[in-house]
Amino acid sequence: MYKIAIAGASTLLGRELKEALEESPLAVANFVLLDEETAHGQLDQVGDEVTFIHAIGEDSFDRVDFAFFCGTEGLTRKHWRQALRSGSTVLDLSGALDQETGVLVRAPWLGSEAVAPDLFTPAVVPAHPAALALALVLDRLQLAAPVRFAAATLLQPASESGRAAMDELHQQTVNLLSFQGLPRAIYDAQVAYNLLSGLGESAILSLSAVEARVRRHYDALSGGRWPALALQVIQAPVFHGQTFSIAVELERPTEISALEEALSGDHVDLVLEDTDSPSNLAATGQNDVLVRLRPELGSSRNTNETSRLWLWAACDNLRLNAHNAVECALDLRRLRPQGTVQ
């Protein structure tokens, strides 16, 4: 039986990960919930077992097989080497380690990759959910025709930045309706009822950093199989669920039915009716990426084919991240004798 530690268990992503693990073959593992000192003693539950969240100490990762880091980047950087020294397999959902030497960015749903983890891999970073969603869509389109160009606008929700960001968006919304001043500790800008391509000078968050991370993860997953991605991240006034506007140009005109057939499959839910258009609300709680295809019919004389198309997509960012992390752990089981810390 494996032993699993969740560092950052009190966060939104930590709770989503816990649910994803409970639905997976790893549900029978022994779990230890860890977090910052401020979360120590909080009551939680894993399956039917009630437990407490513990502050990370010197022996927190002893005999732990898989250590999931889903708290702040600072928490990951502070403790990941401690978990590594204890013999744990490190999975970093915070993205803090994606530029560390030897660390691999992974998404098992995309099939075989050029570089697979081995016993010398220090950690694995499950790909950013936006990079994973974009990669899934472009990988499927490549089955119908080579993609010449792809550009995407990502509308980022507050939940991607944690509970404090969601709380500030909520408080801004309430204060605007009652004509009060706005809290700005996280965004240093008005996010409620607003769309922003950049945040204030004193903002804790950085949209340019998100863009850079999504590009890095997309490139790592691509391995040169797909075109470079033109990307813009917009902070949206929504609490949860990522949405994307994606423009794609193909190398040749291709039948629309062939494109729809290529997109359909595991982890991608193709929506055929405008009345069921993908949205952040529709994607909440879903394991799949919801996609609606709209051809640019003027790109071909034949109305049944196109070389340019628009895609409108949505996904549950926390759920996608958590389930990808679980798939990474299941894939890494081959490097660990069951029940034994190497």
Protein backbone atom coordinates (compact mmCIF):
# COMPACT_ATOMS: atom_id res chain seq x y z
CA MET A 1 0.00 0.00 0.00
CA TYR A 2 1.36 3.40 -0.98
CA LYS A 3 1.69 6.38 1.33
CA ILE A 4 0.75 9.74 -0.20
CA ALA A 5 1.40 13.23 1.14
CA ILE A 6 -0.55 16.27 -0.08
CA ALA A 7 1.40 19.45 0.71
CA GLY A 8 -1.01 22.37 0.43
CA ALA A 9 -4.01 20.24 1.39
CA SER A 10 -6.12 23.20 2.53
CA THR A 11 -5.90 25.01 -0.84
CA LEU A 12 -8.55 24.84 -3.56
CA LEU A 13 -6.25 22.71 -5.70
CA GLY A 14 -5.35 20.52 -2.72
CA ARG A 15 -9.00 19.71 -2.07
CA GLU A 16 -9.60 18.99 -5.77
CA LEU A 17 -6.56 16.70 -5.83
CA LYS A 18 -7.81 14.83 -2.78
CA GLU A 19 -11.13 14.14 -4.54
CA ALA A 20 -9.35 13.04 -7.73
CA LEU A 21 -7.18 10.61 -5.73
CA GLU A 22 -10.26 9.21 -3.98
CA GLU A 23 -11.72 8.39 -7.43
CA SER A 24 -8.51 6.72 -8.67
CA PRO A 25 -6.74 3.37 -8.10
CA LEU A 26 -4.64 5.22 -5.49
CA ALA A 27 -7.70 5.64 -3.23
CA VAL A 28 -6.55 2.73 -1.04
CA ALA A 29 -3.29 4.49 -0.13
CA ASN A 30 -2.51 5.94 3.28
CA PHE A 31 -2.79 9.74 3.16
CA VAL A 32 -1.10 12.48 5.16
CA LEU A 33 -2.37 16.05 4.73
CA LEU A 34 0.22 18.81 5.09
CA ASP A 35 0.26 22.59 4.75
CA GLU A 36 1.58 25.87 6.10
CA GLU A 37 1.62 26.48 9.85
CA THR A 38 -1.53 28.62 9.57
CA ALA A 39 -3.55 25.58 8.41
CA HIS A 40 -2.26 23.26 11.16
CA GLY A 41 -5.07 21.50 13.02
CA GLN A 42 -7.80 22.08 10.44
CA LEU A 43 -10.26 19.20 10.29
CA ASP A 44 -10.47 17.39 6.95
CA GLN A 45 -11.59 14.08 5.51
CA VAL A 46 -10.10 11.49 3.15
CA GLY A 47 -12.77 9.06 1.98
CA ASP A 48 -14.66 8.02 5.13
CA GLU A 49 -11.75 8.82 7.42
CA VAL A 50 -11.69 12.09 9.36
CA THR A 51 -8.20 13.52 9.82
CA PHE A 52 -6.29 16.72 10.52
CA ILE A 53 -3.99 18.88 8.43
CA HIS A 54 -0.47 18.97 9.87
CA ALA A 55 2.24 21.57 9.55
CA ILE A 56 5.26 20.34 7.59
CA GLY A 57 8.00 19.12 9.92
CA GLU A 58 11.34 17.38 9.63
CA ASP A 59 9.83 13.90 9.34
CA SER A 60 6.67 14.76 7.38
CA PHE A 61 7.81 12.92 4.24
CA ASP A 62 9.28 9.83 5.92
CA ARG A 63 8.21 6.66 4.08
CA VAL A 64 6.07 8.74 1.68
CA ASP A 65 5.88 7.29 -1.84
CA PHE A 66 4.25 10.22 -3.63
CA ALA A 67 4.47 13.84 -2.44
CA PHE A 68 2.04 16.16 -4.23
CA PHE A 69 2.80 19.88 -3.87
CA CYS A 70 -0.30 21.95 -4.62
CA GLY A 71 0.16 24.98 -2.38
CA THR A 72 2.11 28.16 -3.09
CA GLU A 73 5.29 28.20 -5.13
CA GLY A 74 7.12 29.23 -1.96
CA LEU A 75 5.89 26.14 -0.10
CA THR A 76 7.10 23.90 -2.92
CA ARG A 77 10.54 25.50 -3.15
CA LYS A 78 10.98 25.30 0.61
CA HIS A 79 10.16 21.61 1.06
CA TRP A 80 10.50 19.68 -2.22
CA ARG A 81 14.14 18.71 -1.67
CA GLN A 82 13.21 17.50 1.81
CA ALA A 83 10.65 15.16 0.21
CA LEU A 84 13.21 14.08 -2.37
CA ARG A 85 15.80 13.24 0.30
CA SER A 86 13.18 11.13 2.07
CA GLY A 87 12.77 8.99 -1.05
CA SER A 88 9.47 10.43 -2.22
CA THR A 89 8.45 10.86 -5.84
CA VAL A 90 7.72 14.60 -6.14
CA LEU A 91 4.80 15.91 -8.22
CA ASP A 92 4.63 19.70 -8.37
CA LEU A 93 1.19 21.09 -9.22
CA SER A 94 2.28 24.63 -8.28
CA GLY A 95 4.61 24.85 -11.29
CA ALA A 96 7.46 26.20 -9.17
CA LEU A 97 9.93 23.56 -10.38
CA ASP A 98 9.34 23.55 -14.14
CA GLN A 99 12.72 25.23 -14.82
CA GLU A 100 14.75 23.10 -12.40
CA THR A 101 17.37 20.85 -13.97
CA GLY A 102 16.04 17.40 -14.84
CA VAL A 103 12.42 18.16 -13.90
CA LEU A 104 9.91 16.99 -16.54
CA VAL A 105 6.60 18.59 -17.56
CA ARG A 106 4.13 15.80 -18.36
CA ALA A 107 0.62 14.97 -19.53
CA PRO A 108 0.12 11.19 -19.98
CA TRP A 109 -3.17 11.75 -21.84
CA LEU A 110 -1.15 12.93 -24.86
CA GLY A 111 0.52 9.55 -25.28
CA SER A 112 4.21 8.79 -25.62
CA GLU A 113 6.69 11.61 -25.02
CA ALA A 114 10.25 12.09 -26.20
CA VAL A 115 11.60 12.05 -22.64
CA ALA A 116 10.15 9.72 -20.02
CA PRO A 117 10.90 9.96 -16.29
CA ASP A 118 13.39 7.54 -14.76
CA LEU A 119 14.97 6.94 -11.35
CA PHE A 120 17.15 10.03 -11.82
CA THR A 121 14.24 12.40 -12.51
CA PRO A 122 14.08 14.71 -9.45
CA ALA A 123 10.43 15.76 -9.92
CA VAL A 124 7.53 15.81 -12.35
CA VAL A 125 5.37 18.87 -13.06
CA PRO A 126 1.88 18.01 -14.33
CA ALA A 127 1.34 20.41 -17.22
CA HIS A 128 -0.55 23.65 -16.61
CA PRO A 129 -4.26 22.99 -17.32
CA ALA A 130 -4.36 25.66 -20.05
CA ALA A 131 -1.34 24.13 -21.79
CA LEU A 132 -2.91 20.68 -21.49
CA ALA A 133 -6.25 21.85 -22.93
CA LEU A 134 -4.57 23.62 -25.86
CA ALA A 135 -2.29 20.65 -26.49
CA LEU A 136 -5.21 18.21 -26.53
CA VAL A 137 -7.09 20.31 -29.09
CA LEU A 138 -4.13 20.90 -31.43
CA ASP A 139 -2.95 17.30 -31.16
CA ARG A 140 -6.39 16.11 -32.28
CA LEU A 141 -6.59 18.59 -35.18
CA GLN A 142 -3.22 17.33 -36.44
CA LEU A 143 -4.93 13.99 -37.07
CA ALA A 144 -7.04 15.65 -39.79
CA ALA A 145 -4.50 18.10 -41.28
CA PRO A 146 -1.18 19.73 -40.34
CA VAL A 147 -1.65 22.93 -38.33
CA ARG A 148 0.22 25.91 -39.82
CA PHE A 149 -0.63 28.54 -37.19
CA ALA A 150 -2.39 28.67 -33.81
CA ALA A 151 -3.23 31.63 -31.58
CA ALA A 152 -5.19 31.58 -28.32
CA THR A 153 -6.65 34.03 -25.85
CA LEU A 154 -6.97 32.50 -22.39
CA LEU A 155 -9.51 34.00 -20.00
CA GLN A 156 -8.14 33.20 -16.58
CA PRO A 157 -10.46 32.73 -13.58
CA ALA A 158 -9.72 33.76 -10.00
CA SER A 159 -9.56 30.15 -8.80
CA GLU A 160 -6.33 29.59 -10.76
CA SER A 161 -4.66 32.00 -8.32
CA GLY A 162 -6.07 30.50 -5.14
CA ARG A 163 -8.62 31.23 -2.46
CA ALA A 164 -7.32 34.73 -1.64
CA ALA A 165 -7.83 35.82 -5.26
CA MET A 166 -11.38 34.45 -5.26
CA ASP A 167 -12.12 36.21 -1.97
CA GLU A 168 -10.85 39.53 -3.32
CA LEU A 169 -12.96 39.22 -6.48
CA HIS A 170 -16.00 38.45 -4.33
CA GLN A 171 -15.36 41.39 -2.02
CA GLN A 172 -14.80 43.74 -4.97
CA THR A 173 -18.13 42.67 -6.44
CA VAL A 174 -19.96 43.24 -3.15
CA ASN A 175 -18.28 46.60 -2.51
CA LEU A 176 -19.03 47.92 -6.00
CA LEU A 177 -22.73 47.16 -5.53
CA SER A 178 -22.73 49.06 -2.22
CA PHE A 179 -20.52 51.94 -3.51
CA GLN A 180 -17.60 51.16 -1.19
CA GLY A 181 -13.85 51.13 -1.75
CA LEU A 182 -12.26 48.09 -3.41
CA PRO A 183 -9.73 45.71 -1.83
CA ARG A 184 -6.62 45.51 -4.06
CA ALA A 185 -4.11 43.40 -2.12
CA ILE A 186 -4.01 40.63 -4.73
CA TYR A 187 -4.73 42.27 -8.09
CA ASP A 188 -4.02 45.96 -7.38
CA ALA A 189 -6.76 46.63 -9.93
CA GLN A 190 -10.51 46.36 -10.36
CA VAL A 191 -11.19 42.84 -11.59
CA ALA A 192 -14.92 42.72 -10.79
CA TYR A 193 -17.03 43.50 -13.88
CA ASN A 194 -13.81 44.04 -15.83
CA LEU A 195 -11.43 42.35 -18.29
CA LEU A 196 -7.71 43.05 -17.91
CA SER A 197 -4.62 42.24 -19.97
CA GLY A 198 -2.41 43.38 -17.09
CA LEU A 199 -2.66 43.95 -13.34
CA GLY A 200 -1.50 46.78 -11.07
CA GLU A 201 2.13 47.50 -10.21
CA SER A 202 1.72 46.16 -6.68
CA ALA A 203 -0.21 43.05 -7.69
CA ILE A 204 0.92 39.74 -6.20
CA LEU A 205 -0.02 38.02 -9.47
CA SER A 206 1.49 38.45 -12.94
CA LEU A 207 -0.35 37.62 -16.16
CA SER A 208 2.91 37.72 -18.13
CA ALA A 209 4.30 35.01 -15.81
CA VAL A 210 1.21 32.88 -16.52
CA GLU A 211 1.71 33.37 -20.27
CA ALA A 212 5.35 32.32 -20.00
CA ARG A 213 4.50 29.21 -17.97
CA VAL A 214 1.73 28.09 -20.33
CA ARG A 215 4.08 28.52 -23.31
CA ARG A 216 6.87 26.55 -21.59
CA HIS A 217 4.52 23.70 -20.75
CA TYR A 218 2.97 23.72 -24.22
CA ASP A 219 6.43 23.58 -25.81
CA ALA A 220 7.46 20.75 -23.46
CA LEU A 221 4.36 18.73 -24.41
CA SER A 222 4.71 19.54 -28.10
CA GLY A 223 8.24 18.30 -28.64
CA GLY A 224 8.11 20.08 -32.01
CA ARG A 225 4.96 18.24 -33.14
CA TRP A 226 2.75 21.37 -33.21
CA PRO A 227 3.35 24.98 -34.30
CA ALA A 228 4.54 27.66 -31.91
CA LEU A 229 1.64 29.09 -29.92
CA ALA A 230 0.71 32.78 -29.99
CA LEU A 231 -0.88 33.37 -26.58
CA GLN A 232 -2.50 36.17 -24.62
CA VAL A 233 -3.81 35.81 -21.05
CA ILE A 234 -6.74 37.96 -19.93
CA GLN A 235 -7.86 38.20 -16.30
CA ALA A 236 -11.61 37.54 -16.38
CA PRO A 237 -14.13 38.54 -13.68
CA VAL A 238 -15.17 34.92 -13.08
CA PHE A 239 -14.51 32.71 -10.08
CA HIS A 240 -13.85 29.37 -11.73
CA GLY A 241 -13.30 27.69 -15.09
CA GLN A 242 -10.92 28.59 -17.90
CA THR A 243 -12.23 29.59 -21.34
CA PHE A 244 -10.29 29.95 -24.59
CA SER A 245 -10.76 31.62 -27.95
CA ILE A 246 -8.48 29.77 -30.39
CA ALA A 247 -7.73 30.66 -34.02
CA VAL A 248 -6.22 27.90 -36.17
CA GLU A 249 -4.95 27.86 -39.75
CA LEU A 250 -4.40 24.50 -41.45
CA GLU A 251 -1.92 23.67 -44.19
CA ARG A 252 -4.76 22.74 -46.56
CA PRO A 253 -8.56 22.94 -46.78
CA THR A 254 -10.06 20.04 -44.84
CA GLU A 255 -13.60 18.74 -44.56
CA ILE A 256 -15.37 20.10 -41.50
CA SER A 257 -16.73 16.65 -40.70
CA ALA A 258 -13.15 15.30 -40.63
CA LEU A 259 -12.10 18.04 -38.22
CA GLU A 260 -15.06 17.29 -35.95
CA GLU A 261 -14.28 13.59 -36.03
CA ALA A 262 -10.62 14.25 -35.19
CA LEU A 263 -11.51 16.47 -32.22
CA SER A 264 -13.95 13.99 -30.70
CA GLY A 265 -12.59 11.42 -28.27
CA ASP A 266 -11.30 10.89 -24.77
CA HIS A 267 -10.89 14.06 -22.68
CA VAL A 268 -12.43 16.33 -25.38
CA ASP A 269 -16.19 16.85 -25.56
CA LEU A 270 -17.15 18.35 -28.93
CA VAL A 271 -20.25 20.56 -28.70
CA LEU A 272 -22.23 20.65 -31.95
CA GLU A 273 -25.02 23.12 -31.11
CA ASP A 274 -24.64 26.85 -30.46
CA THR A 275 -27.31 26.60 -27.78
CA ASP A 276 -24.97 24.34 -25.77
CA SER A 277 -21.93 26.59 -26.20
CA PRO A 278 -19.02 25.75 -23.86
CA SER A 279 -18.74 28.00 -20.83
CA ASN A 280 -16.88 28.12 -17.56
CA LEU A 281 -20.10 27.18 -15.76
CA ALA A 282 -20.80 24.23 -18.07
CA ALA A 283 -17.23 22.97 -17.62
CA THR A 284 -17.32 23.03 -13.82
CA GLY A 285 -17.07 19.49 -12.47
CA GLN A 286 -16.33 18.03 -15.92
CA ASN A 287 -13.24 15.92 -16.65
CA ASP A 288 -13.24 16.86 -20.35
CA VAL A 289 -12.37 19.98 -22.32
CA LEU A 290 -15.55 21.34 -23.94
CA VAL A 291 -14.98 22.55 -27.52
CA ARG A 292 -17.16 24.26 -30.14
CA LEU A 293 -15.79 24.48 -33.69
CA ARG A 294 -16.75 27.29 -36.08
CA PRO A 295 -15.19 27.22 -39.56
CA GLU A 296 -14.09 30.36 -41.40
CA LEU A 297 -16.07 29.41 -44.49
CA GLY A 298 -14.54 32.16 -46.62
CA SER A 299 -11.22 30.29 -46.58
CA SER A 300 -12.49 27.78 -49.17
CA ARG A 301 -14.87 27.77 -52.13
CA ASN A 302 -16.31 24.52 -50.83
CA THR A 303 -18.63 25.26 -47.90
CA ASN A 304 -18.05 21.75 -46.53
CA GLU A 305 -14.34 22.35 -45.91
CA THR A 306 -12.10 25.03 -44.45
CA SER A 307 -8.46 25.84 -43.81
CA ARG A 308 -9.17 28.41 -41.07
CA LEU A 309 -11.32 27.86 -38.01
CA TRP A 310 -12.25 29.28 -34.64
CA LEU A 311 -12.53 27.17 -31.52
CA TRP A 312 -14.29 28.23 -28.34
CA ALA A 313 -13.26 25.96 -25.46
CA ALA A 314 -13.75 25.67 -21.71
CA CYS A 315 -12.42 23.46 -18.92
CA ASP A 316 -12.50 23.08 -15.15
CA ASN A 317 -8.95 24.27 -14.47
CA LEU A 318 -8.56 22.79 -10.98
CA ARG A 319 -10.13 19.46 -11.91
CA LEU A 320 -8.05 19.14 -15.09
CA ASN A 321 -4.87 19.90 -13.14
CA ALA A 322 -5.71 17.40 -10.39
CA HIS A 323 -6.64 14.56 -12.73
CA ASN A 324 -3.51 15.10 -14.82
CA ALA A 325 -1.43 14.92 -11.63
CA VAL A 326 -3.08 11.62 -10.68
CA GLU A 327 -2.39 10.23 -14.16
CA CYS A 328 1.26 11.27 -13.76
CA ALA A 329 1.43 9.43 -10.43
CA LEU A 330 -0.16 6.31 -11.90
CA ASP A 331 2.40 6.41 -14.70
CA LEU A 332 5.24 6.82 -12.17
CA ARG A 333 4.20 3.73 -10.19
CA ARG A 334 6.45 1.61 -12.42
CA LEU A 335 9.47 3.34 -10.80
CA ARG A 336 8.40 2.41 -7.27
CA PRO A 337 8.16 -1.12 -5.83
CA GLN A 338 4.75 -1.12 -4.15
CA GLY A 339 4.88 -0.23 -0.47
CA THR A 340 8.65 0.34 -0.49
CA VAL A 341 10.47 3.65 -0.34
CA GLN A 342 13.63 3.40 -2.44
